[in-house]
Amino acid sequence: MAGVAAVSRRAPTRLFATGELIYDKLPSVPRRVAPSLLVGRVAAGALVGVVVGGRTGHNRAGSAIVGGLIAFASAHLTYRMRRALSEHMSPMAAALVEDGIVVGAARAGAALLRSGG
């Protein structure tokens, strides 16, 4: 949801993304690479792709495909990164480091989008 919140101009979307960051810390939450959760992440990535494509004048369908692929890859990458970090620090600290990286990347991408870069 960080990507959706970064390109959204609506406060409820950002609030929802913040809630997702908090929910993600609960021990009962399934792995993000579980198929049921991965589908939602890919759909959110495709939505971001549509928005980015529309704002930059690129093909929205192609941008949706790229966004979905990026979401798929980043879900797996951040899952593995968090597991690796958890070997060197507490799981909560690893989760917070991961959140910082994800939110920072989303904000940087949104800034580039706004600047036209």
PDB file of N, CA and C in Angstrom:
ATOM      1  N   MET A   1       0.812  -1.211   0.000  1.00  0.00           N
ATOM      2  CA  MET A   1       0.000   0.000   0.000  1.00  0.00           C
ATOM      3  C   MET A   1       0.850   1.267   0.000  1.00  0.00           C
ATOM      4  N   ALA A   2       2.131   1.135   0.255  1.00  0.00           N
ATOM      5  CA  ALA A   2       2.981   2.331   0.285  1.00  0.00           C
ATOM      6  C   ALA A   2       2.994   3.028  -1.070  1.00  0.00           C
ATOM      7  N   GLY A   3       3.047   2.256  -2.139  1.00  0.00           N
ATOM      8  CA  GLY A   3       3.039   2.849  -3.476  1.00  0.00           C
ATOM      9  C   GLY A   3       1.727   3.530  -3.789  1.00  0.00           C
ATOM     10  N   VAL A   4       0.631   2.902  -3.426  1.00  0.00           N
ATOM     11  CA  VAL A   4      -0.693   3.499  -3.654  1.00  0.00           C
ATOM     12  C   VAL A   4      -0.809   4.802  -2.876  1.00  0.00           C
ATOM     13  N   ALA A   5      -0.385   4.781  -1.621  1.00  0.00           N
ATOM     14  CA  ALA A   5      -0.446   5.991  -0.796  1.00  0.00           C
ATOM     15  C   ALA A   5       0.451   7.088  -1.351  1.00  0.00           C
ATOM     16  N   ALA A   6       1.592   6.706  -1.903  1.00  0.00           N
ATOM     17  CA  ALA A   6       2.539   7.706  -2.414  1.00  0.00           C
ATOM     18  C   ALA A   6       1.987   8.449  -3.620  1.00  0.00           C
ATOM     19  N   VAL A   7       1.220   7.768  -4.464  1.00  0.00           N
ATOM     20  CA  VAL A   7       0.687   8.440  -5.655  1.00  0.00           C
ATOM     21  C   VAL A   7      -0.715   8.987  -5.437  1.00  0.00           C
ATOM     22  N   SER A   8      -1.321   8.658  -4.308  1.00  0.00           N
ATOM     23  CA  SER A   8      -2.680   9.119  -4.019  1.00  0.00           C
ATOM     24  C   SER A   8      -2.669  10.536  -3.466  1.00  0.00           C
ATOM     25  N   ARG A   9      -3.713  11.233  -3.774  1.00  0.00           N
ATOM     26  CA  ARG A   9      -3.876  12.584  -3.225  1.00  0.00           C
ATOM     27  C   ARG A   9      -4.933  12.604  -2.119  1.00  0.00           C
ATOM     28  N   ARG A  10      -5.324  11.440  -1.670  1.00  0.00           N
ATOM     29  CA  ARG A  10      -6.412  11.325  -0.699  1.00  0.00           C
ATOM     30  C   ARG A  10      -5.908  10.841   0.661  1.00  0.00           C
ATOM     31  N   ALA A  11      -6.309  11.531   1.695  1.00  0.00           N
ATOM     32  CA  ALA A  11      -5.873  11.182   3.048  1.00  0.00           C
ATOM     33  C   ALA A  11      -6.329   9.785   3.476  1.00  0.00           C
ATOM     34  N   PRO A  12      -7.550   9.336   3.146  1.00  0.00           N
ATOM     35  CA  PRO A  12      -7.948   7.984   3.583  1.00  0.00           C
ATOM     36  C   PRO A  12      -7.029   6.884   3.043  1.00  0.00           C
ATOM     37  N   THR A  13      -6.518   7.060   1.840  1.00  0.00           N
ATOM     38  CA  THR A  13      -5.603   6.070   1.278  1.00  0.00           C
ATOM     39  C   THR A  13      -4.325   6.023   2.094  1.00  0.00           C
ATOM     40  N   ARG A  14      -3.836   7.162   2.480  1.00  0.00           N
ATOM     41  CA  ARG A  14      -2.616   7.215   3.293  1.00  0.00           C
ATOM     42  C   ARG A  14      -2.857   6.633   4.684  1.00  0.00           C
ATOM     43  N   LEU A  15      -4.038   6.876   5.217  1.00  0.00           N
ATOM     44  CA  LEU A  15      -4.395   6.308   6.515  1.00  0.00           C
ATOM     45  C   LEU A  15      -4.466   4.780   6.424  1.00  0.00           C
ATOM     46  N   PHE A  16      -5.049   4.278   5.357  1.00  0.00           N
ATOM     47  CA  PHE A  16      -5.129   2.836   5.142  1.00  0.00           C
ATOM     48  C   PHE A  16      -3.727   2.231   5.038  1.00  0.00           C
ATOM     49  N   ALA A  17      -2.833   2.898   4.330  1.00  0.00           N
ATOM     50  CA  ALA A  17      -1.458   2.407   4.188  1.00  0.00           C
ATOM     51  C   ALA A  17      -0.746   2.388   5.540  1.00  0.00           C
ATOM     52  N   THR A  18      -0.985   3.385   6.356  1.00  0.00           N
ATOM     53  CA  THR A  18      -0.400   3.409   7.701  1.00  0.00           C
ATOM     54  C   THR A  18      -0.926   2.244   8.526  1.00  0.00           C
ATOM     55  N   GLY A  19      -2.216   1.987   8.417  1.00  0.00           N
ATOM     56  CA  GLY A  19      -2.809   0.839   9.107  1.00  0.00           C
ATOM     57  C   GLY A  19      -2.194  -0.473   8.658  1.00  0.00           C
ATOM     58  N   GLU A  20      -1.904  -0.580   7.373  1.00  0.00           N
ATOM     59  CA  GLU A  20      -1.275  -1.795   6.841  1.00  0.00           C
ATOM     60  C   GLU A  20       0.122  -1.971   7.410  1.00  0.00           C
ATOM     61  N   LEU A  21       0.855  -0.860   7.559  1.00  0.00           N
ATOM     62  CA  LEU A  21       2.191  -0.946   8.161  1.00  0.00           C
ATOM     63  C   LEU A  21       2.113  -1.461   9.596  1.00  0.00           C
ATOM     64  N   ILE A  22       1.108  -1.044  10.319  1.00  0.00           N
ATOM     65  CA  ILE A  22       0.935  -1.494  11.704  1.00  0.00           C
ATOM     66  C   ILE A  22       0.481  -2.955  11.732  1.00  0.00           C
ATOM     67  N   TYR A  23      -0.504  -3.291  10.915  1.00  0.00           N
ATOM     68  CA  TYR A  23      -1.047  -4.649  10.852  1.00  0.00           C
ATOM     69  C   TYR A  23       0.038  -5.665  10.504  1.00  0.00           C
ATOM     70  N   ASP A  24       0.950  -5.266   9.653  1.00  0.00           N
ATOM     71  CA  ASP A  24       2.029  -6.138   9.191  1.00  0.00           C
ATOM     72  C   ASP A  24       2.916  -6.633  10.337  1.00  0.00           C
ATOM     73  N   LYS A  25       2.894  -5.968  11.469  1.00  0.00           N
ATOM     74  CA  LYS A  25       3.754  -6.343  12.599  1.00  0.00           C
ATOM     75  C   LYS A  25       3.132  -7.436  13.473  1.00  0.00           C
ATOM     76  N   LEU A  26       1.864  -7.735  13.283  1.00  0.00           N
ATOM     77  CA  LEU A  26       1.202  -8.743  14.116  1.00  0.00           C
ATOM     78  C   LEU A  26       1.705 -10.135  13.768  1.00  0.00           C
ATOM     79  N   PRO A  27       1.951 -10.958  14.787  1.00  0.00           N
ATOM     80  CA  PRO A  27       2.489 -12.297  14.527  1.00  0.00           C
ATOM     81  C   PRO A  27       1.514 -13.201  13.770  1.00  0.00           C
ATOM     82  N   SER A  28       0.237 -12.916  13.804  1.00  0.00           N
ATOM     83  CA  SER A  28      -0.758 -13.771  13.153  1.00  0.00           C
ATOM     84  C   SER A  28      -0.924 -13.475  11.654  1.00  0.00           C
ATOM     85  N   VAL A  29      -0.249 -12.456  11.160  1.00  0.00           N
ATOM     86  CA  VAL A  29      -0.384 -12.073   9.752  1.00  0.00           C
ATOM     87  C   VAL A  29       0.344 -13.093   8.882  1.00  0.00           C
ATOM     88  N   PRO A  30      -0.326 -13.577   7.830  1.00  0.00           N
ATOM     89  CA  PRO A  30       0.353 -14.530   6.938  1.00  0.00           C
ATOM     90  C   PRO A  30       1.520 -13.878   6.204  1.00  0.00           C
ATOM     91  N   ARG A  31       2.396 -14.700   5.679  1.00  0.00           N
ATOM     92  CA  ARG A  31       3.537 -14.192   4.910  1.00  0.00           C
ATOM     93  C   ARG A  31       3.022 -13.398   3.714  1.00  0.00           C
ATOM     94  N   ARG A  32       3.683 -12.323   3.405  1.00  0.00           N
ATOM     95  CA  ARG A  32       3.251 -11.466   2.290  1.00  0.00           C
ATOM     96  C   ARG A  32       3.361 -12.152   0.950  1.00  0.00           C
ATOM     97  N   VAL A  33       4.140 -13.230   0.886  1.00  0.00           N
ATOM     98  CA  VAL A  33       4.278 -13.955  -0.374  1.00  0.00           C
ATOM     99  C   VAL A  33       3.286 -15.110  -0.475  1.00  0.00           C
ATOM    100  N   ALA A  34       2.396 -15.223   0.514  1.00  0.00           N
ATOM    101  CA  ALA A  34       1.308 -16.196   0.410  1.00  0.00           C
ATOM    102  C   ALA A  34       0.440 -15.784  -0.783  1.00  0.00           C
ATOM    103  N   PRO A  35       0.008 -16.737  -1.596  1.00  0.00           N
ATOM    104  CA  PRO A  35      -0.733 -16.384  -2.816  1.00  0.00           C
ATOM    105  C   PRO A  35      -1.910 -15.430  -2.598  1.00  0.00           C
ATOM    106  N   SER A  36      -2.669 -15.632  -1.523  1.00  0.00           N
ATOM    107  CA  SER A  36      -3.832 -14.765  -1.298  1.00  0.00           C
ATOM    108  C   SER A  36      -3.435 -13.308  -1.062  1.00  0.00           C
ATOM    109  N   LEU A  37      -2.321 -13.073  -0.388  1.00  0.00           N
ATOM    110  CA  LEU A  37      -1.859 -11.704  -0.154  1.00  0.00           C
ATOM    111  C   LEU A  37      -1.087 -11.155  -1.348  1.00  0.00           C
ATOM    112  N   LEU A  38      -0.385 -12.023  -2.035  1.00  0.00           N
ATOM    113  CA  LEU A  38       0.408 -11.594  -3.186  1.00  0.00           C
ATOM    114  C   LEU A  38      -0.477 -11.055  -4.305  1.00  0.00           C
ATOM    115  N   VAL A  39      -1.647 -11.643  -4.466  1.00  0.00           N
ATOM    116  CA  VAL A  39      -2.584 -11.164  -5.491  1.00  0.00           C
ATOM    117  C   VAL A  39      -2.963  -9.711  -5.222  1.00  0.00           C
ATOM    118  N   GLY A  40      -3.243  -9.380  -3.983  1.00  0.00           N
ATOM    119  CA  GLY A  40      -3.591  -8.003  -3.628  1.00  0.00           C
ATOM    120  C   GLY A  40      -2.435  -7.048  -3.854  1.00  0.00           C
ATOM    121  N   ARG A  41      -1.233  -7.478  -3.550  1.00  0.00           N
ATOM    122  CA  ARG A  41      -0.056  -6.631  -3.765  1.00  0.00           C
ATOM    123  C   ARG A  41       0.178  -6.379  -5.248  1.00  0.00           C
ATOM    124  N   VAL A  42       0.007  -7.419  -6.053  1.00  0.00           N
ATOM    125  CA  VAL A  42       0.174  -7.258  -7.501  1.00  0.00           C
ATOM    126  C   VAL A  42      -0.907  -6.325  -8.052  1.00  0.00           C
ATOM    127  N   ALA A  43      -2.134  -6.469  -7.565  1.00  0.00           N
ATOM    128  CA  ALA A  43      -3.215  -5.580  -8.007  1.00  0.00           C
ATOM    129  C   ALA A  43      -2.924  -4.133  -7.619  1.00  0.00           C
ATOM    130  N   ALA A  44      -2.420  -3.920  -6.415  1.00  0.00           N
ATOM    131  CA  ALA A  44      -2.068  -2.566  -5.985  1.00  0.00           C
ATOM    132  C   ALA A  44      -0.939  -2.005  -6.848  1.00  0.00           C
ATOM    133  N   GLY A  45       0.039  -2.837  -7.176  1.00  0.00           N
ATOM    134  CA  GLY A  45       1.125  -2.403  -8.048  1.00  0.00           C
ATOM    135  C   GLY A  45       0.621  -2.043  -9.436  1.00  0.00           C
ATOM    136  N   ALA A  46      -0.327  -2.824  -9.937  1.00  0.00           N
ATOM    137  CA  ALA A  46      -0.914  -2.519 -11.243  1.00  0.00           C
ATOM    138  C   ALA A  46      -1.672  -1.190 -11.192  1.00  0.00           C
ATOM    139  N   LEU A  47      -2.373  -0.945 -10.100  1.00  0.00           N
ATOM    140  CA  LEU A  47      -3.076   0.327  -9.934  1.00  0.00           C
ATOM    141  C   LEU A  47      -2.095   1.497  -9.945  1.00  0.00           C
ATOM    142  N   VAL A  48      -0.990   1.350  -9.235  1.00  0.00           N
ATOM    143  CA  VAL A  48       0.036   2.393  -9.244  1.00  0.00           C
ATOM    144  C   VAL A  48       0.550   2.586 -10.668  1.00  0.00           C
ATOM    145  N   GLY A  49       0.752   1.494 -11.385  1.00  0.00           N
ATOM    146  CA  GLY A  49       1.203   1.586 -12.767  1.00  0.00           C
ATOM    147  C   GLY A  49       0.234   2.360 -13.646  1.00  0.00           C
ATOM    148  N   VAL A  50      -1.057   2.127 -13.473  1.00  0.00           N
ATOM    149  CA  VAL A  50      -2.071   2.859 -14.238  1.00  0.00           C
ATOM    150  C   VAL A  50      -1.992   4.350 -13.938  1.00  0.00           C
ATOM    151  N   VAL A  51      -1.870   4.698 -12.666  1.00  0.00           N
ATOM    152  CA  VAL A  51      -1.785   6.107 -12.271  1.00  0.00           C
ATOM    153  C   VAL A  51      -0.530   6.750 -12.850  1.00  0.00           C
ATOM    154  N   VAL A  52       0.595   6.072 -12.700  1.00  0.00           N
ATOM    155  CA  VAL A  52       1.853   6.611 -13.215  1.00  0.00           C
ATOM    156  C   VAL A  52       1.783   6.746 -14.739  1.00  0.00           C
ATOM    157  N   GLY A  53       1.270   5.734 -15.398  1.00  0.00           N
ATOM    158  CA  GLY A  53       1.133   5.807 -16.851  1.00  0.00           C
ATOM    159  C   GLY A  53       0.277   6.976 -17.288  1.00  0.00           C
ATOM    160  N   GLY A  54      -0.831   7.184 -16.587  1.00  0.00           N
ATOM    161  CA  GLY A  54      -1.703   8.306 -16.916  1.00  0.00           C
ATOM    162  C   GLY A  54      -1.049   9.656 -16.689  1.00  0.00           C
ATOM    163  N   ARG A  55      -0.316   9.769 -15.605  1.00  0.00           N
ATOM    164  CA  ARG A  55       0.316  11.060 -15.289  1.00  0.00           C
ATOM    165  C   ARG A  55       1.522  11.366 -16.174  1.00  0.00           C
ATOM    166  N   THR A  56       2.145  10.332 -16.716  1.00  0.00           N
ATOM    167  CA  THR A  56       3.338  10.546 -17.526  1.00  0.00           C
ATOM    168  C   THR A  56       3.064  10.441 -19.023  1.00  0.00           C
ATOM    169  N   GLY A  57       1.828  10.120 -19.382  1.00  0.00           N
ATOM    170  CA  GLY A  57       1.477  10.009 -20.791  1.00  0.00           C
ATOM    171  C   GLY A  57       1.894   8.690 -21.428  1.00  0.00           C
ATOM    172  N   HIS A  58       2.226   7.702 -20.617  1.00  0.00           N
ATOM    173  CA  HIS A  58       2.596   6.387 -21.134  1.00  0.00           C
ATOM    174  C   HIS A  58       1.359   5.498 -21.222  1.00  0.00           C
ATOM    175  N   ASN A  59       1.496   4.415 -21.927  1.00  0.00           N
ATOM    176  CA  ASN A  59       0.413   3.447 -22.075  1.00  0.00           C
ATOM    177  C   ASN A  59       0.029   2.903 -20.701  1.00  0.00           C
ATOM    178  N   ARG A  60      -1.231   3.056 -20.333  1.00  0.00           N
ATOM    179  CA  ARG A  60      -1.668   2.642 -18.999  1.00  0.00           C
ATOM    180  C   ARG A  60      -1.647   1.126 -18.832  1.00  0.00           C
ATOM    181  N   ALA A  61      -2.000   0.393 -19.871  1.00  0.00           N
ATOM    182  CA  ALA A  61      -2.000  -1.069 -19.762  1.00  0.00           C
ATOM    183  C   ALA A  61      -0.579  -1.585 -19.564  1.00  0.00           C
ATOM    184  N   GLY A  62       0.345  -1.078 -20.345  1.00  0.00           N
ATOM    185  CA  GLY A  62       1.739  -1.480 -20.189  1.00  0.00           C
ATOM    186  C   GLY A  62       2.281  -1.088 -18.830  1.00  0.00           C
ATOM    187  N   SER A  63       1.912   0.095 -18.380  1.00  0.00           N
ATOM    188  CA  SER A  63       2.363   0.560 -17.063  1.00  0.00           C
ATOM    189  C   SER A  63       1.761  -0.289 -15.954  1.00  0.00           C
ATOM    190  N   ALA A  64       0.522  -0.755 -16.140  1.00  0.00           N
ATOM    191  CA  ALA A  64      -0.105  -1.632 -15.148  1.00  0.00           C
ATOM    192  C   ALA A  64       0.649  -2.956 -15.047  1.00  0.00           C
ATOM    193  N   ILE A  65       1.045  -3.492 -16.184  1.00  0.00           N
ATOM    194  CA  ILE A  65       1.796  -4.749 -16.183  1.00  0.00           C
ATOM    195  C   ILE A  65       3.134  -4.563 -15.478  1.00  0.00           C
ATOM    196  N   VAL A  66       3.826  -3.477 -15.802  1.00  0.00           N
ATOM    197  CA  VAL A  66       5.117  -3.202 -15.151  1.00  0.00           C
ATOM    198  C   VAL A  66       4.917  -3.008 -13.645  1.00  0.00           C
ATOM    199  N   GLY A  67       3.893  -2.262 -13.262  1.00  0.00           N
ATOM    200  CA  GLY A  67       3.620  -2.045 -11.837  1.00  0.00           C
ATOM    201  C   GLY A  67       3.326  -3.337 -11.102  1.00  0.00           C
ATOM    202  N   GLY A  68       2.560  -4.217 -11.720  1.00  0.00           N
ATOM    203  CA  GLY A  68       2.262  -5.509 -11.107  1.00  0.00           C
ATOM    204  C   GLY A  68       3.502  -6.368 -10.955  1.00  0.00           C
ATOM    205  N   LEU A  69       4.353  -6.366 -11.978  1.00  0.00           N
ATOM    206  CA  LEU A  69       5.598  -7.135 -11.908  1.00  0.00           C
ATOM    207  C   LEU A  69       6.535  -6.590 -10.827  1.00  0.00           C
ATOM    208  N   ILE A  70       6.607  -5.269 -10.734  1.00  0.00           N
ATOM    209  CA  ILE A  70       7.444  -4.657  -9.695  1.00  0.00           C
ATOM    210  C   ILE A  70       6.912  -5.011  -8.311  1.00  0.00           C
ATOM    211  N   ALA A  71       5.598  -4.984  -8.145  1.00  0.00           N
ATOM    212  CA  ALA A  71       5.009  -5.340  -6.854  1.00  0.00           C
ATOM    213  C   ALA A  71       5.308  -6.796  -6.495  1.00  0.00           C
ATOM    214  N   PHE A  72       5.201  -7.685  -7.459  1.00  0.00           N
ATOM    215  CA  PHE A  72       5.500  -9.097  -7.235  1.00  0.00           C
ATOM    216  C   PHE A  72       6.952  -9.268  -6.789  1.00  0.00           C
ATOM    217  N   ALA A  73       7.861  -8.668  -7.555  1.00  0.00           N
ATOM    218  CA  ALA A  73       9.284  -8.795  -7.242  1.00  0.00           C
ATOM    219  C   ALA A  73       9.625  -8.146  -5.904  1.00  0.00           C
ATOM    220  N   SER A  74       9.071  -6.972  -5.640  1.00  0.00           N
ATOM    221  CA  SER A  74       9.417  -6.286  -4.391  1.00  0.00           C
ATOM    222  C   SER A  74       8.834  -7.000  -3.174  1.00  0.00           C
ATOM    223  N   ALA A  75       7.688  -7.646  -3.315  1.00  0.00           N
ATOM    224  CA  ALA A  75       7.128  -8.422  -2.195  1.00  0.00           C
ATOM    225  C   ALA A  75       8.088  -9.539  -1.811  1.00  0.00           C
ATOM    226  N   HIS A  76       8.606 -10.237  -2.815  1.00  0.00           N
ATOM    227  CA  HIS A  76       9.553 -11.316  -2.538  1.00  0.00           C
ATOM    228  C   HIS A  76      10.879 -10.771  -1.994  1.00  0.00           C
ATOM    229  N   LEU A  77      11.360  -9.704  -2.589  1.00  0.00           N
ATOM    230  CA  LEU A  77      12.632  -9.122  -2.156  1.00  0.00           C
ATOM    231  C   LEU A  77      12.555  -8.615  -0.718  1.00  0.00           C
ATOM    232  N   THR A  78      11.515  -7.857  -0.402  1.00  0.00           N
ATOM    233  CA  THR A  78      11.423  -7.309   0.961  1.00  0.00           C
ATOM    234  C   THR A  78      11.154  -8.406   1.982  1.00  0.00           C
ATOM    235  N   TYR A  79      10.428  -9.446   1.587  1.00  0.00           N
ATOM    236  CA  TYR A  79      10.207 -10.581   2.491  1.00  0.00           C
ATOM    237  C   TYR A  79      11.543 -11.236   2.843  1.00  0.00           C
ATOM    238  N   ARG A  80      12.360 -11.476   1.830  1.00  0.00           N
ATOM    239  CA  ARG A  80      13.662 -12.101   2.068  1.00  0.00           C
ATOM    240  C   ARG A  80      14.602 -11.165   2.845  1.00  0.00           C
ATOM    241  N   MET A  81      14.534  -9.880   2.525  1.00  0.00           N
ATOM    242  CA  MET A  81      15.370  -8.915   3.229  1.00  0.00           C
ATOM    243  C   MET A  81      15.009  -8.890   4.716  1.00  0.00           C
ATOM    244  N   ARG A  82      13.732  -8.856   5.007  1.00  0.00           N
ATOM    245  CA  ARG A  82      13.288  -8.807   6.407  1.00  0.00           C
ATOM    246  C   ARG A  82      13.711 -10.063   7.152  1.00  0.00           C
ATOM    247  N   ARG A  83      13.607 -11.215   6.512  1.00  0.00           N
ATOM    248  CA  ARG A  83      14.039 -12.462   7.154  1.00  0.00           C
ATOM    249  C   ARG A  83      15.539 -12.433   7.420  1.00  0.00           C
ATOM    250  N   ALA A  84      16.312 -11.931   6.469  1.00  0.00           N
ATOM    251  CA  ALA A  84      17.764 -11.852   6.654  1.00  0.00           C
ATOM    252  C   ALA A  84      18.126 -10.870   7.769  1.00  0.00           C
ATOM    253  N   LEU A  85      17.456  -9.741   7.795  1.00  0.00           N
ATOM    254  CA  LEU A  85      17.716  -8.757   8.856  1.00  0.00           C
ATOM    255  C   LEU A  85      17.372  -9.325  10.225  1.00  0.00           C
ATOM    256  N   SER A  86      16.336 -10.159  10.282  1.00  0.00           N
ATOM    257  CA  SER A  86      15.901 -10.746  11.561  1.00  0.00           C
ATOM    258  C   SER A  86      16.949 -11.678  12.158  1.00  0.00           C
ATOM    259  N   GLU A  87      17.914 -12.107  11.357  1.00  0.00           N
ATOM    260  CA  GLU A  87      18.995 -12.935  11.878  1.00  0.00           C
ATOM    261  C   GLU A  87      20.025 -12.093  12.638  1.00  0.00           C
ATOM    262  N   HIS A  88      19.966 -10.763  12.445  1.00  0.00           N
ATOM    263  CA  HIS A  88      20.966  -9.877  13.051  1.00  0.00           C
ATOM    264  C   HIS A  88      20.369  -8.870  14.033  1.00  0.00           C
ATOM    265  N   MET A  89      19.058  -8.802  14.073  1.00  0.00           N
ATOM    266  CA  MET A  89      18.377  -7.876  14.982  1.00  0.00           C
ATOM    267  C   MET A  89      17.011  -8.452  15.312  1.00  0.00           C
ATOM    268  N   SER A  90      16.315  -7.817  16.230  1.00  0.00           N
ATOM    269  CA  SER A  90      14.994  -8.325  16.597  1.00  0.00           C
ATOM    270  C   SER A  90      14.056  -8.259  15.390  1.00  0.00           C
ATOM    271  N   PRO A  91      13.082  -9.141  15.324  1.00  0.00           N
ATOM    272  CA  PRO A  91      12.134  -9.100  14.213  1.00  0.00           C
ATOM    273  C   PRO A  91      11.424  -7.750  14.081  1.00  0.00           C
ATOM    274  N   MET A  92      11.127  -7.102  15.203  1.00  0.00           N
ATOM    275  CA  MET A  92      10.467  -5.795  15.137  1.00  0.00           C
ATOM    276  C   MET A  92      11.406  -4.752  14.532  1.00  0.00           C
ATOM    277  N   ALA A  93      12.662  -4.764  14.943  1.00  0.00           N
ATOM    278  CA  ALA A  93      13.629  -3.823  14.374  1.00  0.00           C
ATOM    279  C   ALA A  93      13.797  -4.076  12.881  1.00  0.00           C
ATOM    280  N   ALA A  94      13.852  -5.340  12.480  1.00  0.00           N
ATOM    281  CA  ALA A  94      13.965  -5.676  11.058  1.00  0.00           C
ATOM    282  C   ALA A  94      12.743  -5.164  10.288  1.00  0.00           C
ATOM    283  N   ALA A  95      11.575  -5.304  10.881  1.00  0.00           N
ATOM    284  CA  ALA A  95      10.344  -4.829  10.234  1.00  0.00           C
ATOM    285  C   ALA A  95      10.361  -3.316  10.083  1.00  0.00           C
ATOM    286  N   LEU A  96      10.863  -2.617  11.081  1.00  0.00           N
ATOM    287  CA  LEU A  96      10.913  -1.154  11.012  1.00  0.00           C
ATOM    288  C   LEU A  96      11.945  -0.671   9.992  1.00  0.00           C
ATOM    289  N   VAL A  97      13.069  -1.370   9.891  1.00  0.00           N
ATOM    290  CA  VAL A  97      14.063  -1.033   8.858  1.00  0.00           C
ATOM    291  C   VAL A  97      13.440  -1.231   7.486  1.00  0.00           C
ATOM    292  N   GLU A  98      12.776  -2.353   7.313  1.00  0.00           N
ATOM    293  CA  GLU A  98      12.106  -2.625   6.040  1.00  0.00           C
ATOM    294  C   GLU A  98      11.082  -1.538   5.716  1.00  0.00           C
ATOM    295  N   ASP A  99      10.269  -1.157   6.703  1.00  0.00           N
ATOM    296  CA  ASP A  99       9.273  -0.106   6.485  1.00  0.00           C
ATOM    297  C   ASP A  99       9.931   1.198   6.048  1.00  0.00           C
ATOM    298  N   GLY A 100      11.031   1.537   6.690  1.00  0.00           N
ATOM    299  CA  GLY A 100      11.737   2.765   6.316  1.00  0.00           C
ATOM    300  C   GLY A 100      12.208   2.738   4.874  1.00  0.00           C
ATOM    301  N   ILE A 101      12.723   1.605   4.451  1.00  0.00           N
ATOM    302  CA  ILE A 101      13.187   1.476   3.068  1.00  0.00           C
ATOM    303  C   ILE A 101      12.015   1.560   2.096  1.00  0.00           C
ATOM    304  N   VAL A 102      10.941   0.853   2.388  1.00  0.00           N
ATOM    305  CA  VAL A 102       9.772   0.835   1.497  1.00  0.00           C
ATOM    306  C   VAL A 102       9.130   2.214   1.410  1.00  0.00           C
ATOM    307  N   VAL A 103       8.911   2.851   2.541  1.00  0.00           N
ATOM    308  CA  VAL A 103       8.293   4.187   2.539  1.00  0.00           C
ATOM    309  C   VAL A 103       9.213   5.194   1.856  1.00  0.00           C
ATOM    310  N   GLY A 104      10.502   5.108   2.128  1.00  0.00           N
ATOM    311  CA  GLY A 104      11.453   6.007   1.470  1.00  0.00           C
ATOM    312  C   GLY A 104      11.450   5.838  -0.040  1.00  0.00           C
ATOM    313  N   ALA A 105      11.434   4.595  -0.510  1.00  0.00           N
ATOM    314  CA  ALA A 105      11.407   4.344  -1.955  1.00  0.00           C
ATOM    315  C   ALA A 105      10.111   4.854  -2.572  1.00  0.00           C
ATOM    316  N   ALA A 106       8.995   4.647  -1.898  1.00  0.00           N
ATOM    317  CA  ALA A 106       7.708   5.120  -2.413  1.00  0.00           C
ATOM    318  C   ALA A 106       7.668   6.647  -2.480  1.00  0.00           C
ATOM    319  N   ARG A 107       8.177   7.282  -1.447  1.00  0.00           N
ATOM    320  CA  ARG A 107       8.194   8.758  -1.444  1.00  0.00           C
ATOM    321  C   ARG A 107       9.135   9.304  -2.509  1.00  0.00           C
ATOM    322  N   ALA A 108      10.288   8.648  -2.686  1.00  0.00           N
ATOM    323  CA  ALA A 108      11.232   9.086  -3.728  1.00  0.00           C
ATOM    324  C   ALA A 108      10.608   8.931  -5.105  1.00  0.00           C
ATOM    325  N   GLY A 109       9.924   7.819  -5.330  1.00  0.00           N
ATOM    326  CA  GLY A 109       9.258   7.619  -6.614  1.00  0.00           C
ATOM    327  C   GLY A 109       8.174   8.649  -6.857  1.00  0.00           C
ATOM    328  N   ALA A 110       7.400   8.950  -5.829  1.00  0.00           N
ATOM    329  CA  ALA A 110       6.354   9.968  -5.976  1.00  0.00           C
ATOM    330  C   ALA A 110       6.951  11.345  -6.243  1.00  0.00           C
ATOM    331  N   ALA A 111       8.070  11.656  -5.601  1.00  0.00           N
ATOM    332  CA  ALA A 111       8.735  12.940  -5.846  1.00  0.00           C
ATOM    333  C   ALA A 111       9.223  13.029  -7.292  1.00  0.00           C
ATOM    334  N   LEU A 112       9.783  11.945  -7.797  1.00  0.00           N
ATOM    335  CA  LEU A 112      10.203  11.931  -9.204  1.00  0.00           C
ATOM    336  C   LEU A 112       9.013  12.126 -10.146  1.00  0.00           C
ATOM    337  N   LEU A 113       7.913  11.488  -9.790  1.00  0.00           N
ATOM    338  CA  LEU A 113       6.705  11.624 -10.611  1.00  0.00           C
ATOM    339  C   LEU A 113       6.218  13.076 -10.631  1.00  0.00           C
ATOM    340  N   ARG A 114       6.242  13.719  -9.458  1.00  0.00           N
ATOM    341  CA  ARG A 114       5.795  15.116  -9.376  1.00  0.00           C
ATOM    342  C   ARG A 114       6.719  16.058 -10.149  1.00  0.00           C
ATOM    343  N   SER A 115       8.035  15.748 -10.117  1.00  0.00           N
ATOM    344  CA  SER A 115       8.999  16.633 -10.765  1.00  0.00           C
ATOM    345  C   SER A 115       9.110  16.368 -12.263  1.00  0.00           C
ATOM    346  N   GLY A 116       8.475  15.272 -12.704  1.00  0.00           N
ATOM    347  CA  GLY A 116       8.548  14.947 -14.124  1.00  0.00           C
ATOM    348  C   GLY A 116       9.827  14.240 -14.489  1.00  0.00           C
ATOM    349  N   GLY A 117      10.636  13.836 -13.479  1.00  0.00           N
ATOM    350  CA  GLY A 117      11.923  13.186 -13.718  1.00  0.00           C
ATOM    351  C   GLY A 117      11.781  11.756 -13.896  1.00  0.00           C
TER     352      GLY A 117
END
